[in-house]
Every structure is written in C-alpha cells, then in structure tokens.
C-alpha cells in the first residue's frame, strides 16, 4: 500500500473521504513539509530529504499534519510517536553550517544568563520577513531571526531566548499533536527579565515598520 493510500485510510477512520497526493520537492530545507486542502483533495509537499526516511516515520509526519490541518480529535498513533522521536533525535545530528557574529554574541549572552551555558550553539541566519519574527528549525538546529531587529540587542536577546526554549524543550505530544508552546514553555518564556516591557517594544517596532 502506498503512502498516499495509507494517509487516505487514516482519514477514512474519521469518515473523511479526501483523496491524498504527496509531492517531494528540492526547494524545501531538509525535512520541511507543508500541507494544503484543495476542495476534497489534500496535497502534501515534502522536502526531498524525506525520500530516504522510513515510510513508517513519514506516515507519522503525514498524520500529524492532517490532525493539525483538519483539527481532528485523534489520539497518538505509533507512527506519530515514531515521527516525534525522529524529530527530536535528528537535531543532535545536525552539523553547524551557518553562523552570524551578531546572533552568535546574542546566543552567548542568553545561553549564559538563562541556560547556565549548557546549550550547544545552533546554526544562525537572518530572514527578511516581518510576519515571522524568529523561528527554530529542529531538523537543521537553526535559529532564524528577522533582520528588522539587527542592532537591537535587548530585543534580539528576548527573541533568541524564545527560540532557544524550543531547542531545549523540543516539543511534547498530546492527543496526536506536537505541542511547541505548552504550559511549561509559557511559564519559562515569561521568566525572561522584563518580558512584558520587551514585548511592547517589539510591537512598537513592528508598528513603525508597517506605517
């Protein structure tokens, strides 16, 4: 049975008769993926790196994306557990391939102040989007930050802290979903010094940029 057929079978269990298409693309970063619904058809676009991964693990990724897309009330499956374990473990195998002096200095400050200097240095990159302030990619161990915040060390430190929490905590699985901002994450996030004040300053920077 093909991966598409197994994904459709998973949906049949919820009484949903969608057709499924899976496309592999070399345009994505390693192990990235997305899903979209077009009428009664669901289309997955997966990084070509998923071709070399066990179908059982990839099926877990597909099930996880379906649960998020369709807001299904589903419990954890064996395949989702396999996928979650794969996502957690691959981070440690990611090589350092990119860095940036400003972001590296930011990492050193935050790592020393909030993580006792125990976190390994990830990859760093800037991006140009203002909709996505910062992000952490578990697969490539990369912190990416909007270049809108260049030269703003206090704001950068807060954004870096948020993404390093993702690196430290990874994520937890609940009801078939990957929780990246669980209760523990939110509690730690607000332990950053003057977090509320800094969030208002970030909002101010964004408003000035928009206008």
N, C-alpha and C. Protein backbone atom coordinates (compact mmCIF):
# COMPACT_ATOMS: atom_id res chain seq x y z
N UNK A 1 0.85 -1.19 0.00
CA UNK A 1 0.00 0.00 0.00
C UNK A 1 0.89 1.24 0.00
N UNK A 2 0.59 2.22 -0.86
CA UNK A 2 1.39 3.43 -0.96
C UNK A 2 1.17 4.33 0.24
N UNK A 3 2.08 5.30 0.39
CA UNK A 3 1.96 6.26 1.48
C UNK A 3 0.67 7.06 1.34
N UNK A 4 0.32 7.44 0.11
CA UNK A 4 -0.92 8.18 -0.13
C UNK A 4 -2.13 7.35 0.31
N UNK A 5 -2.12 6.05 -0.02
CA UNK A 5 -3.23 5.18 0.35
C UNK A 5 -3.35 5.03 1.86
N UNK A 6 -2.21 4.95 2.54
CA UNK A 6 -2.23 4.80 4.00
C UNK A 6 -2.73 6.09 4.66
N UNK A 7 -2.38 7.24 4.07
CA UNK A 7 -2.88 8.52 4.60
C UNK A 7 -4.39 8.61 4.40
N UNK A 8 -4.87 8.18 3.21
CA UNK A 8 -6.31 8.20 2.94
C UNK A 8 -7.04 7.24 3.88
N UNK A 9 -6.42 6.11 4.17
CA UNK A 9 -7.01 5.15 5.09
C UNK A 9 -7.13 5.75 6.49
N UNK A 10 -6.12 6.52 6.91
CA UNK A 10 -6.17 7.20 8.20
C UNK A 10 -7.37 8.14 8.25
N UNK A 11 -7.62 8.86 7.14
CA UNK A 11 -8.76 9.78 7.08
C UNK A 11 -10.08 9.03 7.07
N UNK A 12 -10.09 7.86 6.43
CA UNK A 12 -11.32 7.06 6.39
C UNK A 12 -11.80 6.73 7.80
N UNK A 13 -10.85 6.59 8.72
CA UNK A 13 -11.20 6.28 10.09
C UNK A 13 -12.01 7.38 10.76
N UNK A 14 -11.97 8.59 10.18
CA UNK A 14 -12.75 9.72 10.72
C UNK A 14 -13.95 10.02 9.83
N UNK A 15 -14.20 9.11 8.89
CA UNK A 15 -15.34 9.31 7.99
C UNK A 15 -15.10 10.37 6.95
N UNK A 16 -13.82 10.64 6.65
CA UNK A 16 -13.46 11.68 5.67
C UNK A 16 -12.94 11.01 4.40
N UNK A 17 -13.55 11.34 3.29
CA UNK A 17 -13.18 10.67 2.04
C UNK A 17 -12.32 11.50 1.13
N UNK A 18 -11.32 12.19 1.67
CA UNK A 18 -10.45 13.02 0.85
C UNK A 18 -9.45 12.17 0.08
N UNK A 19 -9.12 12.61 -1.13
CA UNK A 19 -8.01 12.00 -1.85
C UNK A 19 -6.73 12.68 -1.40
N UNK A 20 -5.62 11.96 -1.50
CA UNK A 20 -4.34 12.45 -0.98
C UNK A 20 -3.27 12.40 -2.07
N UNK A 21 -2.49 13.46 -2.15
CA UNK A 21 -1.34 13.49 -3.06
C UNK A 21 -0.11 13.92 -2.27
N UNK A 22 1.02 13.28 -2.52
CA UNK A 22 2.27 13.61 -1.84
C UNK A 22 3.31 13.95 -2.90
N UNK A 23 3.88 15.16 -2.77
CA UNK A 23 4.85 15.67 -3.73
C UNK A 23 6.16 15.93 -2.99
N UNK A 24 7.27 15.45 -3.54
CA UNK A 24 8.58 15.72 -2.95
C UNK A 24 9.24 16.86 -3.72
N UNK A 25 9.84 17.78 -2.98
CA UNK A 25 10.41 18.97 -3.60
C UNK A 25 11.82 19.25 -3.07
N UNK A 26 12.70 19.64 -3.96
CA UNK A 26 14.05 20.02 -3.57
C UNK A 26 14.15 21.47 -3.16
N UNK A 27 13.02 22.19 -3.20
CA UNK A 27 13.03 23.62 -2.85
C UNK A 27 12.99 23.86 -1.35
N UNK A 28 12.57 22.84 -0.59
CA UNK A 28 12.48 22.99 0.86
C UNK A 28 13.83 22.73 1.53
N UNK A 29 13.97 23.29 2.73
CA UNK A 29 15.10 22.93 3.57
C UNK A 29 14.92 21.49 4.03
N UNK A 30 16.01 20.83 4.47
CA UNK A 30 15.91 19.43 4.87
C UNK A 30 14.79 19.18 5.88
N UNK A 31 13.95 18.21 5.56
CA UNK A 31 12.88 17.71 6.42
C UNK A 31 11.73 18.69 6.66
N UNK A 32 11.67 19.77 5.89
CA UNK A 32 10.50 20.64 5.97
C UNK A 32 9.33 20.02 5.21
N UNK A 33 8.13 20.47 5.51
CA UNK A 33 6.94 19.94 4.86
C UNK A 33 5.78 20.89 5.08
N UNK A 34 4.80 20.86 4.18
CA UNK A 34 3.56 21.58 4.42
C UNK A 34 2.41 20.81 3.80
N UNK A 35 1.20 21.23 4.11
CA UNK A 35 0.01 20.55 3.61
C UNK A 35 -1.05 21.60 3.31
N UNK A 36 -1.84 21.35 2.28
CA UNK A 36 -2.94 22.27 1.95
C UNK A 36 -4.13 21.45 1.44
N UNK A 37 -5.31 22.01 1.63
CA UNK A 37 -6.54 21.36 1.21
C UNK A 37 -7.09 22.10 0.01
N UNK A 38 -7.32 21.37 -1.07
CA UNK A 38 -7.87 21.95 -2.29
C UNK A 38 -9.15 21.18 -2.62
N UNK A 39 -10.29 21.73 -2.22
CA UNK A 39 -11.53 21.01 -2.39
C UNK A 39 -11.54 19.76 -1.54
N UNK A 40 -11.76 18.61 -2.17
CA UNK A 40 -11.74 17.35 -1.44
C UNK A 40 -10.38 16.66 -1.53
N UNK A 41 -9.40 17.38 -2.03
CA UNK A 41 -8.06 16.83 -2.21
C UNK A 41 -7.09 17.46 -1.22
N UNK A 42 -6.27 16.64 -0.61
CA UNK A 42 -5.26 17.13 0.32
C UNK A 42 -3.88 16.87 -0.28
N UNK A 43 -3.10 17.93 -0.38
CA UNK A 43 -1.80 17.85 -1.05
C UNK A 43 -0.69 18.11 -0.03
N UNK A 44 0.22 17.16 0.09
CA UNK A 44 1.40 17.30 0.94
C UNK A 44 2.61 17.63 0.07
N UNK A 45 3.37 18.61 0.50
CA UNK A 45 4.64 18.91 -0.15
C UNK A 45 5.75 18.64 0.86
N UNK A 46 6.60 17.69 0.56
CA UNK A 46 7.65 17.26 1.48
C UNK A 46 9.02 17.54 0.88
N UNK A 47 9.94 17.93 1.74
CA UNK A 47 11.33 18.06 1.32
C UNK A 47 11.80 16.73 0.75
N UNK A 48 12.65 16.79 -0.27
CA UNK A 48 13.16 15.56 -0.89
C UNK A 48 13.94 14.70 0.10
N UNK A 49 14.38 15.29 1.21
CA UNK A 49 15.12 14.51 2.21
C UNK A 49 14.24 13.44 2.86
N UNK A 50 12.91 13.61 2.78
CA UNK A 50 12.01 12.60 3.35
C UNK A 50 12.00 11.32 2.54
N UNK A 51 12.51 11.34 1.32
CA UNK A 51 12.55 10.13 0.50
C UNK A 51 13.39 9.04 1.14
N UNK A 52 14.40 9.45 1.91
CA UNK A 52 15.33 8.49 2.50
C UNK A 52 14.94 8.06 3.91
N UNK A 53 13.78 8.51 4.37
CA UNK A 53 13.31 8.19 5.72
C UNK A 53 12.31 7.05 5.65
N UNK A 54 12.29 6.22 6.68
CA UNK A 54 11.34 5.12 6.76
C UNK A 54 9.91 5.59 6.50
N UNK A 55 9.16 4.81 5.74
CA UNK A 55 7.77 5.16 5.45
C UNK A 55 6.94 5.24 6.73
N UNK A 56 7.29 4.43 7.74
CA UNK A 56 6.54 4.46 9.00
C UNK A 56 6.69 5.80 9.69
N UNK A 57 7.90 6.38 9.62
CA UNK A 57 8.15 7.69 10.23
C UNK A 57 7.46 8.78 9.41
N UNK A 58 7.59 8.70 8.08
CA UNK A 58 6.97 9.70 7.21
C UNK A 58 5.45 9.69 7.36
N UNK A 59 4.88 8.51 7.54
CA UNK A 59 3.44 8.43 7.76
C UNK A 59 3.05 9.16 9.04
N UNK A 60 3.90 9.08 10.06
CA UNK A 60 3.65 9.83 11.29
C UNK A 60 3.63 11.33 11.04
N UNK A 61 4.55 11.82 10.20
CA UNK A 61 4.55 13.23 9.81
C UNK A 61 3.24 13.58 9.12
N UNK A 62 2.83 12.76 8.17
CA UNK A 62 1.61 13.00 7.41
C UNK A 62 0.39 13.00 8.33
N UNK A 63 0.31 12.04 9.24
CA UNK A 63 -0.81 12.00 10.18
C UNK A 63 -0.82 13.25 11.06
N UNK A 64 0.35 13.67 11.50
CA UNK A 64 0.46 14.85 12.35
C UNK A 64 -0.03 16.10 11.61
N UNK A 65 0.35 16.24 10.34
CA UNK A 65 -0.08 17.38 9.54
C UNK A 65 -1.59 17.34 9.30
N UNK A 66 -2.13 16.14 9.08
CA UNK A 66 -3.57 16.01 8.88
C UNK A 66 -4.36 16.42 10.13
N UNK A 67 -3.87 16.01 11.28
CA UNK A 67 -4.53 16.36 12.54
C UNK A 67 -4.57 17.87 12.73
N UNK A 68 -3.46 18.52 12.41
CA UNK A 68 -3.40 19.98 12.56
C UNK A 68 -4.27 20.68 11.52
N UNK A 69 -4.21 20.21 10.27
CA UNK A 69 -4.96 20.86 9.19
C UNK A 69 -6.46 20.76 9.40
N UNK A 70 -6.93 19.56 9.73
CA UNK A 70 -8.36 19.29 9.83
C UNK A 70 -8.90 19.36 11.26
N UNK A 71 -7.98 19.67 12.21
CA UNK A 71 -8.36 19.77 13.63
C UNK A 71 -9.08 18.50 14.10
N UNK A 72 -8.46 17.38 13.78
CA UNK A 72 -9.04 16.09 14.14
C UNK A 72 -8.81 15.80 15.62
N UNK A 73 -9.78 15.21 16.26
CA UNK A 73 -9.62 14.78 17.64
C UNK A 73 -9.10 13.35 17.63
N UNK A 74 -7.78 13.25 17.54
CA UNK A 74 -7.14 11.94 17.40
C UNK A 74 -6.13 11.72 18.50
N UNK A 75 -6.03 10.50 18.95
CA UNK A 75 -5.02 10.15 19.93
C UNK A 75 -3.68 9.91 19.24
N UNK A 76 -2.66 9.68 20.02
CA UNK A 76 -1.35 9.39 19.47
C UNK A 76 -1.38 8.04 18.78
N UNK A 77 -0.68 7.96 17.66
CA UNK A 77 -0.54 6.69 16.96
C UNK A 77 0.92 6.25 17.05
N UNK A 78 1.17 5.00 16.75
CA UNK A 78 2.54 4.50 16.74
C UNK A 78 3.39 5.29 15.75
N UNK A 79 2.80 5.62 14.60
CA UNK A 79 3.56 6.35 13.59
C UNK A 79 3.89 7.77 14.04
N UNK A 80 2.95 8.41 14.74
CA UNK A 80 3.23 9.76 15.25
C UNK A 80 4.32 9.71 16.31
N UNK A 81 4.30 8.70 17.16
CA UNK A 81 5.37 8.54 18.15
C UNK A 81 6.72 8.35 17.46
N UNK A 82 6.74 7.56 16.40
CA UNK A 82 7.99 7.35 15.65
C UNK A 82 8.47 8.66 15.03
N UNK A 83 7.53 9.42 14.48
CA UNK A 83 7.89 10.71 13.89
C UNK A 83 8.42 11.68 14.94
N UNK A 84 7.74 11.77 16.10
CA UNK A 84 8.18 12.68 17.16
C UNK A 84 9.58 12.32 17.65
N UNK A 85 9.85 11.02 17.82
CA UNK A 85 11.18 10.59 18.25
C UNK A 85 12.23 10.92 17.19
N UNK A 86 11.86 10.77 15.94
CA UNK A 86 12.79 11.10 14.84
C UNK A 86 13.11 12.59 14.85
N UNK A 87 12.05 13.42 15.00
CA UNK A 87 12.24 14.87 15.00
C UNK A 87 13.12 15.32 16.16
N UNK A 88 12.97 14.67 17.32
CA UNK A 88 13.79 15.05 18.48
C UNK A 88 15.25 14.64 18.28
N UNK A 89 15.45 13.47 17.73
CA UNK A 89 16.81 12.92 17.65
C UNK A 89 17.64 13.53 16.53
N UNK A 90 17.00 13.97 15.47
CA UNK A 90 17.75 14.45 14.33
C UNK A 90 18.47 15.76 14.62
N UNK A 91 17.96 16.51 15.60
CA UNK A 91 18.58 17.79 15.97
C UNK A 91 20.03 17.61 16.37
N UNK A 92 20.33 16.58 17.15
CA UNK A 92 21.69 16.37 17.65
C UNK A 92 22.65 15.99 16.54
N UNK A 93 22.11 15.53 15.41
CA UNK A 93 22.98 15.11 14.30
C UNK A 93 23.18 16.23 13.28
N UNK A 94 22.55 17.38 13.49
CA UNK A 94 22.64 18.47 12.52
C UNK A 94 23.98 19.19 12.63
N UNK A 95 24.73 19.30 11.53
CA UNK A 95 26.03 19.98 11.58
C UNK A 95 25.86 21.49 11.61
N UNK A 96 26.85 22.19 12.12
CA UNK A 96 26.84 23.64 12.07
C UNK A 96 27.35 24.07 10.72
N UNK A 97 26.50 24.74 9.96
CA UNK A 97 26.86 25.13 8.60
C UNK A 97 26.76 26.63 8.37
N UNK A 98 26.09 27.37 9.27
CA UNK A 98 25.95 28.81 9.08
C UNK A 98 25.96 29.52 10.42
N UNK A 99 26.55 30.70 10.44
CA UNK A 99 26.60 31.47 11.68
C UNK A 99 26.58 32.95 11.35
N UNK A 100 26.50 33.78 12.37
CA UNK A 100 26.48 35.23 12.21
C UNK A 100 27.03 35.82 13.50
N UNK A 101 27.93 36.78 13.39
CA UNK A 101 28.62 37.32 14.57
C UNK A 101 27.64 37.94 15.56
N UNK A 102 26.66 38.71 15.08
CA UNK A 102 25.73 39.38 15.98
C UNK A 102 24.83 38.37 16.68
N UNK A 103 24.32 37.39 15.93
CA UNK A 103 23.46 36.38 16.54
C UNK A 103 24.25 35.44 17.45
N UNK A 104 25.50 35.20 17.11
CA UNK A 104 26.34 34.35 17.96
C UNK A 104 26.59 35.03 19.30
N UNK A 105 26.85 36.35 19.27
CA UNK A 105 27.04 37.09 20.53
C UNK A 105 25.76 37.09 21.35
N UNK A 106 24.64 37.23 20.67
CA UNK A 106 23.33 37.19 21.34
C UNK A 106 23.13 35.83 22.00
N UNK A 107 23.43 34.76 21.27
CA UNK A 107 23.31 33.41 21.83
C UNK A 107 24.16 33.25 23.08
N UNK A 108 25.39 33.72 23.03
CA UNK A 108 26.29 33.57 24.18
C UNK A 108 25.75 34.29 25.41
N UNK A 109 25.17 35.48 25.22
CA UNK A 109 24.60 36.22 26.34
C UNK A 109 23.42 35.45 26.95
N UNK A 110 22.52 35.01 26.10
CA UNK A 110 21.30 34.34 26.56
C UNK A 110 21.61 32.96 27.14
N UNK A 111 22.49 32.25 26.48
CA UNK A 111 22.87 30.91 26.96
C UNK A 111 23.49 30.99 28.36
N UNK A 112 24.34 31.99 28.57
CA UNK A 112 24.97 32.15 29.87
C UNK A 112 24.02 32.60 30.95
N UNK A 113 23.10 33.51 30.59
CA UNK A 113 22.20 34.10 31.59
C UNK A 113 21.04 33.19 31.96
N UNK A 114 20.55 32.38 31.01
CA UNK A 114 19.32 31.62 31.25
C UNK A 114 19.45 30.10 31.13
N UNK A 115 20.55 29.64 30.55
CA UNK A 115 20.71 28.19 30.37
C UNK A 115 22.02 27.67 30.95
N UNK A 116 22.62 28.46 31.84
CA UNK A 116 23.88 28.09 32.50
C UNK A 116 24.97 27.73 31.51
N UNK A 117 24.89 28.25 30.30
CA UNK A 117 25.90 27.99 29.28
C UNK A 117 25.91 26.57 28.78
N UNK A 118 24.82 25.82 28.99
CA UNK A 118 24.81 24.38 28.69
C UNK A 118 24.32 24.03 27.29
N UNK A 119 23.70 24.97 26.58
CA UNK A 119 23.19 24.65 25.25
C UNK A 119 24.30 24.68 24.21
N UNK A 120 24.28 23.70 23.31
CA UNK A 120 25.20 23.73 22.18
C UNK A 120 24.78 24.82 21.22
N UNK A 121 25.75 25.46 20.58
CA UNK A 121 25.44 26.54 19.66
C UNK A 121 24.78 25.99 18.40
N UNK A 122 23.62 26.55 18.03
CA UNK A 122 22.95 26.11 16.79
C UNK A 122 23.48 26.88 15.58
N UNK A 123 22.89 26.64 14.44
CA UNK A 123 23.14 27.47 13.27
C UNK A 123 22.34 28.76 13.41
N UNK A 124 22.79 29.82 12.72
CA UNK A 124 22.09 31.10 12.77
C UNK A 124 21.88 31.63 11.36
N UNK A 125 20.77 32.32 11.16
CA UNK A 125 20.54 33.01 9.89
C UNK A 125 19.54 34.13 10.10
N UNK A 126 19.62 35.14 9.24
CA UNK A 126 18.64 36.22 9.22
C UNK A 126 17.64 35.94 8.11
N UNK A 127 16.41 36.45 8.28
CA UNK A 127 15.45 36.41 7.19
C UNK A 127 14.78 37.77 7.08
N UNK A 128 14.09 38.01 5.98
CA UNK A 128 13.56 39.35 5.71
C UNK A 128 12.09 39.53 6.08
N UNK A 129 11.43 38.48 6.54
CA UNK A 129 10.00 38.57 6.87
C UNK A 129 9.77 39.33 8.16
N UNK A 130 8.68 40.14 8.21
CA UNK A 130 8.30 40.78 9.47
C UNK A 130 7.09 40.06 10.07
N UNK A 131 6.51 39.13 9.33
CA UNK A 131 5.41 38.34 9.88
C UNK A 131 5.95 37.23 10.79
N UNK A 132 7.11 36.72 10.46
CA UNK A 132 7.74 35.67 11.27
C UNK A 132 8.95 36.31 11.94
N UNK A 133 8.80 36.69 13.21
CA UNK A 133 9.87 37.43 13.90
C UNK A 133 11.11 36.56 14.07
N UNK A 134 10.91 35.32 14.48
CA UNK A 134 12.03 34.40 14.68
C UNK A 134 11.46 32.99 14.68
N UNK A 135 12.34 32.03 14.43
CA UNK A 135 11.87 30.63 14.41
C UNK A 135 13.05 29.72 14.73
N UNK A 136 12.70 28.49 15.13
CA UNK A 136 13.72 27.48 15.37
C UNK A 136 13.35 26.23 14.58
N UNK A 137 14.28 25.73 13.78
CA UNK A 137 14.08 24.53 12.99
C UNK A 137 14.76 23.37 13.70
N UNK A 138 13.97 22.44 14.23
CA UNK A 138 14.52 21.30 14.96
C UNK A 138 15.37 20.41 14.07
N UNK A 139 14.98 20.32 12.81
CA UNK A 139 15.67 19.39 11.91
C UNK A 139 17.08 19.85 11.57
N UNK A 140 17.26 21.16 11.36
CA UNK A 140 18.58 21.68 10.98
C UNK A 140 19.27 22.39 12.14
N UNK A 141 18.61 22.42 13.32
CA UNK A 141 19.16 23.09 14.50
C UNK A 141 19.55 24.53 14.15
N UNK A 142 18.58 25.27 13.60
CA UNK A 142 18.84 26.63 13.12
C UNK A 142 17.89 27.64 13.74
N UNK A 143 18.46 28.70 14.30
CA UNK A 143 17.67 29.85 14.77
C UNK A 143 17.69 30.90 13.67
N UNK A 144 16.51 31.31 13.25
CA UNK A 144 16.38 32.33 12.20
C UNK A 144 15.65 33.53 12.78
N UNK A 145 16.17 34.73 12.52
CA UNK A 145 15.61 35.96 13.11
C UNK A 145 15.40 36.99 12.02
N UNK A 146 14.31 37.74 12.12
CA UNK A 146 14.05 38.81 11.15
C UNK A 146 15.13 39.87 11.24
N UNK A 147 15.64 40.29 10.08
CA UNK A 147 16.71 41.31 10.09
C UNK A 147 16.19 42.68 10.49
N UNK A 148 14.89 42.79 10.75
CA UNK A 148 14.32 44.02 11.29
C UNK A 148 14.94 44.36 12.65
N UNK A 149 15.45 43.33 13.35
CA UNK A 149 15.96 43.52 14.70
C UNK A 149 17.48 43.59 14.78
N UNK A 150 18.13 43.76 13.67
CA UNK A 150 19.58 43.95 13.69
C UNK A 150 19.91 45.20 14.52
N UNK A 151 20.94 45.10 15.32
CA UNK A 151 21.37 46.25 16.11
C UNK A 151 20.47 46.58 17.28
N UNK A 152 19.59 45.66 17.67
CA UNK A 152 18.71 45.86 18.83
C UNK A 152 18.94 44.72 19.82
N UNK A 153 20.05 44.77 20.56
CA UNK A 153 20.45 43.62 21.38
C UNK A 153 19.43 43.16 22.41
N UNK A 154 18.72 44.08 23.06
CA UNK A 154 17.76 43.67 24.08
C UNK A 154 16.59 42.90 23.47
N UNK A 155 16.12 43.38 22.31
CA UNK A 155 15.02 42.69 21.65
C UNK A 155 15.51 41.36 21.05
N UNK A 156 16.71 41.38 20.51
CA UNK A 156 17.28 40.14 19.97
C UNK A 156 17.43 39.08 21.05
N UNK A 157 17.86 39.51 22.23
CA UNK A 157 18.04 38.55 23.33
C UNK A 157 16.73 37.87 23.68
N UNK A 158 15.64 38.63 23.68
CA UNK A 158 14.34 38.06 24.01
C UNK A 158 13.90 37.07 22.94
N UNK A 159 14.07 37.44 21.67
CA UNK A 159 13.70 36.55 20.57
C UNK A 159 14.56 35.29 20.59
N UNK A 160 15.85 35.47 20.87
CA UNK A 160 16.76 34.32 20.94
C UNK A 160 16.35 33.39 22.08
N UNK A 161 16.00 33.97 23.21
CA UNK A 161 15.57 33.16 24.36
C UNK A 161 14.37 32.30 24.00
N UNK A 162 13.40 32.91 23.34
CA UNK A 162 12.19 32.18 22.93
C UNK A 162 12.57 30.97 22.06
N UNK A 163 13.45 31.19 21.08
CA UNK A 163 13.81 30.10 20.17
C UNK A 163 14.70 29.06 20.84
N UNK A 164 15.53 29.48 21.77
CA UNK A 164 16.36 28.51 22.48
C UNK A 164 15.53 27.66 23.44
N UNK A 165 14.40 28.19 23.91
CA UNK A 165 13.48 27.35 24.69
C UNK A 165 12.97 26.20 23.83
N UNK A 166 12.69 26.50 22.56
CA UNK A 166 12.28 25.43 21.64
C UNK A 166 13.39 24.39 21.50
N UNK A 167 14.62 24.87 21.40
CA UNK A 167 15.75 23.94 21.26
C UNK A 167 15.89 23.07 22.52
N UNK A 168 15.75 23.69 23.68
CA UNK A 168 15.93 22.96 24.94
C UNK A 168 14.77 21.99 25.20
N UNK A 169 13.55 22.47 25.05
CA UNK A 169 12.38 21.68 25.41
C UNK A 169 11.92 20.76 24.29
N UNK A 170 12.39 21.06 23.06
CA UNK A 170 11.92 20.34 21.88
C UNK A 170 10.41 20.47 21.84
N UNK A 171 9.66 19.40 21.93
CA UNK A 171 8.22 19.51 21.96
C UNK A 171 7.64 18.26 22.59
N UNK A 172 6.39 18.37 23.00
CA UNK A 172 5.71 17.22 23.61
C UNK A 172 4.52 16.85 22.77
N UNK A 173 4.14 15.58 22.82
CA UNK A 173 2.99 15.11 22.06
C UNK A 173 1.78 14.98 22.95
N UNK A 174 0.64 15.48 22.47
CA UNK A 174 -0.60 15.36 23.23
C UNK A 174 -1.76 15.25 22.26
N UNK A 175 -2.56 14.19 22.42
CA UNK A 175 -3.71 13.97 21.54
C UNK A 175 -3.32 14.00 20.08
N UNK A 176 -2.15 13.43 19.79
CA UNK A 176 -1.70 13.37 18.42
C UNK A 176 -1.07 14.64 17.90
N UNK A 177 -1.02 15.68 18.70
CA UNK A 177 -0.48 16.96 18.25
C UNK A 177 0.90 17.19 18.85
N UNK A 178 1.73 17.91 18.11
CA UNK A 178 3.03 18.31 18.63
C UNK A 178 2.86 19.67 19.30
N UNK A 179 3.11 19.73 20.59
CA UNK A 179 2.92 20.98 21.34
C UNK A 179 4.25 21.71 21.46
N UNK A 180 4.35 22.85 20.78
CA UNK A 180 5.58 23.64 20.82
C UNK A 180 5.50 24.76 21.84
N UNK A 181 4.28 25.09 22.28
CA UNK A 181 4.10 26.17 23.26
C UNK A 181 3.20 25.67 24.39
N UNK A 182 3.65 24.61 25.04
CA UNK A 182 2.90 24.05 26.15
C UNK A 182 2.99 24.89 27.41
N UNK A 183 2.40 24.40 28.48
CA UNK A 183 2.33 25.14 29.74
C UNK A 183 3.73 25.43 30.28
N UNK A 184 4.62 24.44 30.22
CA UNK A 184 5.98 24.65 30.72
C UNK A 184 6.70 25.70 29.90
N UNK A 185 6.51 25.66 28.58
CA UNK A 185 7.14 26.65 27.71
C UNK A 185 6.68 28.05 28.08
N UNK A 186 5.37 28.25 28.22
CA UNK A 186 4.84 29.58 28.52
C UNK A 186 5.33 30.09 29.87
N UNK A 187 5.45 29.18 30.83
CA UNK A 187 5.92 29.58 32.16
C UNK A 187 7.36 30.07 32.08
N UNK A 188 8.21 29.32 31.37
CA UNK A 188 9.61 29.71 31.23
C UNK A 188 9.76 30.97 30.38
N UNK A 189 8.94 31.10 29.36
CA UNK A 189 9.03 32.26 28.48
C UNK A 189 8.85 33.56 29.25
N UNK A 190 7.91 33.56 30.19
CA UNK A 190 7.63 34.78 30.94
C UNK A 190 8.60 34.99 32.10
N UNK A 191 9.56 34.08 32.26
CA UNK A 191 10.58 34.29 33.30
C UNK A 191 11.72 35.16 32.78
N UNK A 192 11.70 35.52 31.49
CA UNK A 192 12.71 36.41 30.94
C UNK A 192 12.55 37.79 31.57
N UNK A 193 13.65 38.39 31.96
CA UNK A 193 13.60 39.69 32.65
C UNK A 193 12.90 40.73 31.78
N UNK A 194 11.90 41.41 32.37
CA UNK A 194 11.15 42.48 31.71
C UNK A 194 10.49 42.02 30.42
N UNK A 195 10.02 40.75 30.40
CA UNK A 195 9.42 40.19 29.19
C UNK A 195 8.26 41.04 28.68
N UNK A 196 7.38 41.48 29.57
CA UNK A 196 6.24 42.27 29.15
C UNK A 196 6.64 43.58 28.50
N UNK A 197 7.63 44.25 29.07
CA UNK A 197 8.12 45.52 28.53
C UNK A 197 8.72 45.31 27.15
N UNK A 198 9.51 44.26 27.01
CA UNK A 198 10.19 43.98 25.74
C UNK A 198 9.17 43.63 24.66
N UNK A 199 8.13 42.87 25.02
CA UNK A 199 7.10 42.54 24.03
C UNK A 199 6.42 43.81 23.51
N UNK A 200 6.21 44.78 24.37
CA UNK A 200 5.61 46.05 23.93
C UNK A 200 6.57 46.80 23.01
N UNK A 201 7.87 46.73 23.28
CA UNK A 201 8.85 47.39 22.42
C UNK A 201 8.90 46.71 21.05
N UNK A 202 8.78 45.41 21.04
CA UNK A 202 8.74 44.68 19.76
C UNK A 202 7.51 45.10 18.96
N UNK A 203 6.36 45.19 19.62
CA UNK A 203 5.14 45.63 18.95
C UNK A 203 5.31 47.04 18.38
N UNK A 204 6.00 47.90 19.13
CA UNK A 204 6.23 49.27 18.67
C UNK A 204 7.10 49.29 17.42
N UNK A 205 8.13 48.46 17.40
CA UNK A 205 9.00 48.37 16.22
C UNK A 205 8.20 47.90 15.01
N UNK A 206 7.34 46.92 15.20
CA UNK A 206 6.52 46.39 14.11
C UNK A 206 5.55 47.44 13.60
N UNK A 207 4.95 48.21 14.50
CA UNK A 207 4.00 49.24 14.08
C UNK A 207 4.72 50.31 13.26
N UNK A 208 5.92 50.72 13.69
CA UNK A 208 6.66 51.72 12.94
C UNK A 208 7.02 51.21 11.55
N UNK A 209 7.37 49.92 11.47
CA UNK A 209 7.73 49.34 10.17
C UNK A 209 6.51 49.32 9.23
N UNK A 210 5.35 48.98 9.77
CA UNK A 210 4.16 48.88 8.94
C UNK A 210 3.71 50.24 8.40
N UNK A 211 3.94 51.29 9.22
CA UNK A 211 3.48 52.62 8.80
C UNK A 211 4.61 53.48 8.24
